[in-house]
Amino acid sequence: MLKCFAKLILDSCKNKMLGMYSVLANFSMLRLVQNVTKL
């Protein structure tokens, strides 16, 4: 029971981290594209 709960929390944390990371990656890609198009 406790193991299942811990796994659930870990998975949701991982998903949150992945989501944050993909948002950051998309943002930096957008900035990069903007900088390149300015040149």
Foldseek 3Di string as FASTA:
>chain_A
DVVVVVVVVVVVVVVVVVVVVVVVVVVVVVVVVVVVVVD
